[in-house]
């Protein structure tokens, strides 16, 4: 009986659990310029040591990695043009039932329309770059980016002044002033004249 139990213990394989969170928390709204910190917590849950843990996350469209925003062994991954497209950590070691925490920070880029940021974080027992074949389910964290909106204030004056009597054929000069007091750009604005009046 003791021999069987020993063999069973020797055959224990490491199991890596990954839990990801963010600040601000998933599901909240962000605006351009905001920073999002993603935190990845790894745990070994089977009682066996880990020496080849790996974490990988592509940077979604609409964000950029914050300089010096990496912690816990994560490193940037660049494409052929030198752009940072992902973060990863490989060769992660954990004692049986051990834990470790990694983190990275991104900044939300400017946008002219509301959009979604969806960050997928994967982890597994591999020293290679993780792919969809990793044995650990991916953690997906989403935020909604609220684009700055234009807010137009329109003021109008006229000559003759409003309320004065005019005769058919009289000329009325309207002065319209538009001011954008919002944070977004305004475009495609149109101004019209009241019914029954013509302008040159």
C-alpha atoms as a PDB file:
ATOM      1  CA  UNK A   1       0.000   0.000   0.000  1.00  0.00           C
ATOM      2  CA  UNK A   2       2.806   2.408   0.895  1.00  0.00           C
ATOM      3  CA  UNK A   3       4.644   1.587  -2.332  1.00  0.00           C
ATOM      4  CA  UNK A   4       1.564   2.345  -4.441  1.00  0.00           C
ATOM      5  CA  UNK A   5       1.080   5.634  -2.649  1.00  0.00           C
ATOM      6  CA  UNK A   6       4.714   6.601  -3.326  1.00  0.00           C
ATOM      7  CA  UNK A   7       4.392   5.846  -7.032  1.00  0.00           C
ATOM      8  CA  UNK A   8       1.240   7.952  -7.147  1.00  0.00           C
ATOM      9  CA  UNK A   9       3.022  10.899  -5.586  1.00  0.00           C
ATOM     10  CA  UNK A  10       5.931  10.616  -8.007  1.00  0.00           C
ATOM     11  CA  UNK A  11       3.498  10.679 -10.946  1.00  0.00           C
ATOM     12  CA  UNK A  12       1.904  13.970  -9.916  1.00  0.00           C
ATOM     13  CA  UNK A  13       1.990  16.433 -12.798  1.00  0.00           C
ATOM     14  CA  UNK A  14       1.926  20.194 -12.256  1.00  0.00           C
ATOM     15  CA  UNK A  15      -1.329  21.978 -12.926  1.00  0.00           C
ATOM     16  CA  UNK A  16      -1.190  25.701 -13.592  1.00  0.00           C
ATOM     17  CA  UNK A  17      -4.159  27.917 -12.790  1.00  0.00           C
ATOM     18  CA  UNK A  18      -4.359  31.464 -14.153  1.00  0.00           C
ATOM     19  CA  UNK A  19      -6.670  34.223 -12.929  1.00  0.00           C
ATOM     20  CA  UNK A  20      -6.561  37.653 -14.552  1.00  0.00           C
ATOM     21  CA  UNK A  21      -8.023  40.926 -13.328  1.00  0.00           C
ATOM     22  CA  UNK A  22      -7.692  44.590 -14.212  1.00  0.00           C
ATOM     23  CA  UNK A  23      -7.760  48.077 -12.732  1.00  0.00           C
ATOM     24  CA  UNK A  24     -10.195  49.578 -13.573  1.00  0.00           C
ATOM     25  CA  UNK A  25     -12.157  46.342 -13.315  1.00  0.00           C
ATOM     26  CA  UNK A  26     -13.518  44.525 -16.349  1.00  0.00           C
ATOM     27  CA  UNK A  27     -16.731  45.890 -17.795  1.00  0.00           C
ATOM     28  CA  UNK A  28     -16.109  49.510 -16.860  1.00  0.00           C
ATOM     29  CA  UNK A  29     -15.884  52.435 -19.269  1.00  0.00           C
ATOM     30  CA  UNK A  30     -12.593  54.161 -20.066  1.00  0.00           C
ATOM     31  CA  UNK A  31     -11.674  57.186 -22.174  1.00  0.00           C
ATOM     32  CA  UNK A  32      -8.635  57.943 -24.340  1.00  0.00           C
ATOM     33  CA  UNK A  33      -5.602  58.634 -22.164  1.00  0.00           C
ATOM     34  CA  UNK A  34      -6.742  56.333 -19.356  1.00  0.00           C
ATOM     35  CA  UNK A  35      -4.385  53.584 -18.208  1.00  0.00           C
ATOM     36  CA  UNK A  36      -5.455  49.982 -17.603  1.00  0.00           C
ATOM     37  CA  UNK A  37      -3.375  47.663 -15.413  1.00  0.00           C
ATOM     38  CA  UNK A  38      -3.783  43.934 -16.045  1.00  0.00           C
ATOM     39  CA  UNK A  39      -2.798  41.619 -13.188  1.00  0.00           C
ATOM     40  CA  UNK A  40      -2.146  37.900 -13.776  1.00  0.00           C
ATOM     41  CA  UNK A  41      -2.027  35.494 -10.827  1.00  0.00           C
ATOM     42  CA  UNK A  42      -0.551  32.040 -11.424  1.00  0.00           C
ATOM     43  CA  UNK A  43      -1.002  29.136  -9.022  1.00  0.00           C
ATOM     44  CA  UNK A  44       0.205  25.540  -9.039  1.00  0.00           C
ATOM     45  CA  UNK A  45      -2.732  23.467  -7.782  1.00  0.00           C
ATOM     46  CA  UNK A  46      -1.622  19.802  -7.978  1.00  0.00           C
ATOM     47  CA  UNK A  47       1.330  19.802  -5.577  1.00  0.00           C
ATOM     48  CA  UNK A  48       4.093  19.495  -8.161  1.00  0.00           C
ATOM     49  CA  UNK A  49       6.855  21.987  -9.030  1.00  0.00           C
ATOM     50  CA  UNK A  50       6.680  24.113 -12.164  1.00  0.00           C
ATOM     51  CA  UNK A  51       9.780  25.170 -14.081  1.00  0.00           C
ATOM     52  CA  UNK A  52       8.388  26.034 -17.503  1.00  0.00           C
ATOM     53  CA  UNK A  53       5.369  28.211 -16.903  1.00  0.00           C
ATOM     54  CA  UNK A  54       4.519  30.744 -19.573  1.00  0.00           C
ATOM     55  CA  UNK A  55       2.166  33.749 -19.849  1.00  0.00           C
ATOM     56  CA  UNK A  56       1.298  35.534 -23.082  1.00  0.00           C
ATOM     57  CA  UNK A  57      -1.030  38.391 -24.043  1.00  0.00           C
ATOM     58  CA  UNK A  58      -1.424  40.251 -27.332  1.00  0.00           C
ATOM     59  CA  UNK A  59      -2.059  43.974 -27.019  1.00  0.00           C
ATOM     60  CA  UNK A  60      -5.498  44.676 -28.476  1.00  0.00           C
ATOM     61  CA  UNK A  61      -6.147  47.434 -30.992  1.00  0.00           C
ATOM     62  CA  UNK A  62      -6.586  50.839 -29.414  1.00  0.00           C
ATOM     63  CA  UNK A  63      -3.940  50.612 -26.678  1.00  0.00           C
ATOM     64  CA  UNK A  64      -0.205  51.005 -26.254  1.00  0.00           C
ATOM     65  CA  UNK A  65       2.106  49.527 -23.635  1.00  0.00           C
ATOM     66  CA  UNK A  66       3.073  51.986 -20.906  1.00  0.00           C
ATOM     67  CA  UNK A  67       6.819  52.360 -20.577  1.00  0.00           C
ATOM     68  CA  UNK A  68       8.051  50.710 -17.388  1.00  0.00           C
ATOM     69  CA  UNK A  69       4.581  49.195 -16.979  1.00  0.00           C
ATOM     70  CA  UNK A  70       5.751  45.564 -16.757  1.00  0.00           C
ATOM     71  CA  UNK A  71       6.173  43.532 -13.558  1.00  0.00           C
ATOM     72  CA  UNK A  72       6.755  39.951 -12.499  1.00  0.00           C
ATOM     73  CA  UNK A  73       9.029  38.954 -15.376  1.00  0.00           C
ATOM     74  CA  UNK A  74       6.850  40.030 -18.308  1.00  0.00           C
ATOM     75  CA  UNK A  75       8.720  41.341 -21.331  1.00  0.00           C
ATOM     76  CA  UNK A  76       7.558  43.170 -24.473  1.00  0.00           C
ATOM     77  CA  UNK A  77       7.232  41.334 -27.795  1.00  0.00           C
ATOM     78  CA  UNK A  78       7.876  43.384 -30.931  1.00  0.00           C
ATOM     79  CA  UNK A  79       7.053  42.855 -34.591  1.00  0.00           C
ATOM     80  CA  UNK A  80       9.490  43.286 -37.489  1.00  0.00           C
ATOM     81  CA  UNK A  81       8.924  47.043 -37.444  1.00  0.00           C
ATOM     82  CA  UNK A  82       9.810  47.279 -33.774  1.00  0.00           C
ATOM     83  CA  UNK A  83       6.252  47.891 -32.571  1.00  0.00           C
ATOM     84  CA  UNK A  84       5.256  46.307 -29.264  1.00  0.00           C
ATOM     85  CA  UNK A  85       2.447  43.867 -30.078  1.00  0.00           C
ATOM     86  CA  UNK A  86       2.353  41.603 -27.019  1.00  0.00           C
ATOM     87  CA  UNK A  87       3.853  40.774 -23.630  1.00  0.00           C
ATOM     88  CA  UNK A  88       5.145  37.432 -22.413  1.00  0.00           C
ATOM     89  CA  UNK A  89       7.011  35.668 -19.640  1.00  0.00           C
ATOM     90  CA  UNK A  90       8.555  32.206 -20.009  1.00  0.00           C
ATOM     91  CA  UNK A  91      10.502  29.835 -17.809  1.00  0.00           C
ATOM     92  CA  UNK A  92       8.338  30.686 -14.797  1.00  0.00           C
ATOM     93  CA  UNK A  93       9.152  28.528 -11.751  1.00  0.00           C
ATOM     94  CA  UNK A  94       6.721  27.710  -8.966  1.00  0.00           C
ATOM     95  CA  UNK A  95       7.021  25.485  -5.907  1.00  0.00           C
ATOM     96  CA  UNK A  96       4.263  22.925  -5.310  1.00  0.00           C
ATOM     97  CA  UNK A  97       1.106  24.942  -4.546  1.00  0.00           C
ATOM     98  CA  UNK A  98       3.175  28.069  -5.166  1.00  0.00           C
ATOM     99  CA  UNK A  99       1.895  31.369  -6.521  1.00  0.00           C
ATOM    100  CA  UNK A 100       3.247  34.348  -8.419  1.00  0.00           C
ATOM    101  CA  UNK A 101       1.855  37.607  -9.805  1.00  0.00           C
ATOM    102  CA  UNK A 102       2.639  39.382 -13.063  1.00  0.00           C
ATOM    103  CA  UNK A 103       1.312  42.691 -14.352  1.00  0.00           C
ATOM    104  CA  UNK A 104       1.388  45.009 -17.334  1.00  0.00           C
ATOM    105  CA  UNK A 105      -0.081  48.439 -18.011  1.00  0.00           C
ATOM    106  CA  UNK A 106      -1.506  49.905 -21.220  1.00  0.00           C
ATOM    107  CA  UNK A 107      -2.731  53.359 -22.242  1.00  0.00           C
ATOM    108  CA  UNK A 108      -5.946  53.892 -24.210  1.00  0.00           C
ATOM    109  CA  UNK A 109      -5.316  55.637 -27.537  1.00  0.00           C
ATOM    110  CA  UNK A 110      -7.379  58.401 -29.114  1.00  0.00           C
ATOM    111  CA  UNK A 111     -10.494  57.338 -31.005  1.00  0.00           C
ATOM    112  CA  UNK A 112     -13.397  59.156 -32.655  1.00  0.00           C
ATOM    113  CA  UNK A 113     -15.982  56.469 -31.909  1.00  0.00           C
ATOM    114  CA  UNK A 114     -16.976  54.226 -29.024  1.00  0.00           C
ATOM    115  CA  UNK A 115     -15.240  50.871 -29.186  1.00  0.00           C
ATOM    116  CA  UNK A 116     -14.389  47.742 -27.187  1.00  0.00           C
ATOM    117  CA  UNK A 117     -11.004  46.722 -25.821  1.00  0.00           C
ATOM    118  CA  UNK A 118     -10.760  42.969 -25.378  1.00  0.00           C
ATOM    119  CA  UNK A 119      -7.581  41.639 -23.738  1.00  0.00           C
ATOM    120  CA  UNK A 120      -6.970  37.873 -23.868  1.00  0.00           C
ATOM    121  CA  UNK A 121      -4.401  36.442 -21.451  1.00  0.00           C
ATOM    122  CA  UNK A 122      -3.231  32.833 -21.759  1.00  0.00           C
ATOM    123  CA  UNK A 123      -0.877  30.721 -19.691  1.00  0.00           C
ATOM    124  CA  UNK A 124       0.498  27.220 -19.869  1.00  0.00           C
ATOM    125  CA  UNK A 125       3.355  24.841 -19.210  1.00  0.00           C
ATOM    126  CA  UNK A 126       5.637  25.708 -22.103  1.00  0.00           C
ATOM    127  CA  UNK A 127       8.744  27.777 -22.686  1.00  0.00           C
ATOM    128  CA  UNK A 128       7.553  28.677 -26.160  1.00  0.00           C
ATOM    129  CA  UNK A 129       5.197  31.504 -27.038  1.00  0.00           C
ATOM    130  CA  UNK A 130       1.701  30.377 -26.011  1.00  0.00           C
ATOM    131  CA  UNK A 131      -0.824  29.699 -28.706  1.00  0.00           C
ATOM    132  CA  UNK A 132      -4.440  28.604 -28.713  1.00  0.00           C
ATOM    133  CA  UNK A 133      -3.177  25.055 -28.086  1.00  0.00           C
ATOM    134  CA  UNK A 134      -2.089  25.866 -24.531  1.00  0.00           C
ATOM    135  CA  UNK A 135      -3.791  23.628 -21.947  1.00  0.00           C
ATOM    136  CA  UNK A 136      -4.962  26.592 -19.858  1.00  0.00           C
ATOM    137  CA  UNK A 137      -8.171  28.400 -20.741  1.00  0.00           C
ATOM    138  CA  UNK A 138      -7.691  32.016 -21.701  1.00  0.00           C
ATOM    139  CA  UNK A 139      -8.867  34.856 -19.507  1.00  0.00           C
ATOM    140  CA  UNK A 140     -10.662  37.613 -21.443  1.00  0.00           C
ATOM    141  CA  UNK A 141     -11.055  41.109 -19.977  1.00  0.00           C
ATOM    142  CA  UNK A 142     -13.151  43.737 -21.730  1.00  0.00           C
ATOM    143  CA  UNK A 143     -13.554  47.500 -21.393  1.00  0.00           C
ATOM    144  CA  UNK A 144     -15.619  49.988 -23.358  1.00  0.00           C
ATOM    145  CA  UNK A 145     -13.835  53.067 -24.675  1.00  0.00           C
ATOM    146  CA  UNK A 146     -16.086  56.120 -24.712  1.00  0.00           C
ATOM    147  CA  UNK A 147     -14.913  58.496 -27.424  1.00  0.00           C
ATOM    148  CA  UNK A 148     -14.910  62.240 -26.697  1.00  0.00           C
ATOM    149  CA  UNK A 149     -18.099  63.856 -27.953  1.00  0.00           C
ATOM    150  CA  UNK A 150     -18.601  67.235 -29.570  1.00  0.00           C
ATOM    151  CA  UNK A 151     -21.071  69.623 -27.918  1.00  0.00           C
ATOM    152  CA  UNK A 152     -22.098  72.548 -30.078  1.00  0.00           C
ATOM    153  CA  UNK A 153     -23.489  75.787 -28.638  1.00  0.00           C
ATOM    154  CA  UNK A 154     -25.196  78.007 -31.217  1.00  0.00           C
ATOM    155  CA  UNK A 155     -25.935  81.708 -30.700  1.00  0.00           C
ATOM    156  CA  UNK A 156     -27.738  83.937 -33.204  1.00  0.00           C
ATOM    157  CA  UNK A 157     -28.188  87.659 -33.696  1.00  0.00           C
ATOM    158  CA  UNK A 158     -29.753  89.690 -36.491  1.00  0.00           C
ATOM    159  CA  UNK A 159     -29.845  93.085 -38.123  1.00  0.00           C
ATOM    160  CA  UNK A 160     -32.484  94.498 -37.756  1.00  0.00           C
ATOM    161  CA  UNK A 161     -32.745  93.220 -34.221  1.00  0.00           C
ATOM    162  CA  UNK A 162     -35.132  90.432 -33.382  1.00  0.00           C
ATOM    163  CA  UNK A 163     -38.676  91.755 -32.839  1.00  0.00           C
ATOM    164  CA  UNK A 164     -38.413  94.703 -35.196  1.00  0.00           C
ATOM    165  CA  UNK A 165     -40.927  95.078 -38.034  1.00  0.00           C
ATOM    166  CA  UNK A 166     -39.632  94.509 -41.571  1.00  0.00           C
ATOM    167  CA  UNK A 167     -41.264  95.043 -44.942  1.00  0.00           C
ATOM    168  CA  UNK A 168     -41.369  92.635 -47.875  1.00  0.00           C
ATOM    169  CA  UNK A 169     -38.082  92.851 -49.740  1.00  0.00           C
ATOM    170  CA  UNK A 170     -36.167  93.969 -46.664  1.00  0.00           C
ATOM    171  CA  UNK A 171     -32.770  92.469 -45.996  1.00  0.00           C
ATOM    172  CA  UNK A 172     -32.168  90.701 -42.725  1.00  0.00           C
ATOM    173  CA  UNK A 173     -28.603  89.776 -41.791  1.00  0.00           C
ATOM    174  CA  UNK A 174     -28.230  86.828 -39.426  1.00  0.00           C
ATOM    175  CA  UNK A 175     -25.000  86.209 -37.558  1.00  0.00           C
ATOM    176  CA  UNK A 176     -24.557  82.657 -36.277  1.00  0.00           C
ATOM    177  CA  UNK A 177     -21.796  81.720 -33.858  1.00  0.00           C
ATOM    178  CA  UNK A 178     -21.024  78.060 -33.230  1.00  0.00           C
ATOM    179  CA  UNK A 179     -18.740  76.971 -30.402  1.00  0.00           C
ATOM    180  CA  UNK A 180     -17.665  73.434 -29.581  1.00  0.00           C
ATOM    181  CA  UNK A 181     -17.521  73.109 -25.791  1.00  0.00           C
ATOM    182  CA  UNK A 182     -17.135  69.328 -25.876  1.00  0.00           C
ATOM    183  CA  UNK A 183     -13.926  67.284 -25.899  1.00  0.00           C
ATOM    184  CA  UNK A 184     -14.443  65.681 -29.320  1.00  0.00           C
ATOM    185  CA  UNK A 185     -13.955  67.147 -32.780  1.00  0.00           C
ATOM    186  CA  UNK A 186     -16.993  68.438 -34.657  1.00  0.00           C
ATOM    187  CA  UNK A 187     -17.407  67.953 -38.408  1.00  0.00           C
ATOM    188  CA  UNK A 188     -20.147  67.900 -41.019  1.00  0.00           C
ATOM    189  CA  UNK A 189     -22.031  70.795 -39.420  1.00  0.00           C
ATOM    190  CA  UNK A 190     -24.809  72.481 -41.418  1.00  0.00           C
ATOM    191  CA  UNK A 191     -26.699  75.758 -40.996  1.00  0.00           C
ATOM    192  CA  UNK A 192     -30.070  76.564 -42.578  1.00  0.00           C
ATOM    193  CA  UNK A 193     -32.315  79.607 -42.982  1.00  0.00           C
ATOM    194  CA  UNK A 194     -35.890  79.830 -41.703  1.00  0.00           C
ATOM    195  CA  UNK A 195     -38.659  78.807 -44.098  1.00  0.00           C
ATOM    196  CA  UNK A 196     -39.688  81.501 -46.551  1.00  0.00           C
ATOM    197  CA  UNK A 197     -36.351  83.275 -46.528  1.00  0.00           C
ATOM    198  CA  UNK A 198     -33.552  83.135 -49.074  1.00  0.00           C
ATOM    199  CA  UNK A 199     -29.911  83.951 -48.762  1.00  0.00           C
ATOM    200  CA  UNK A 200     -27.326  85.015 -51.320  1.00  0.00           C
END
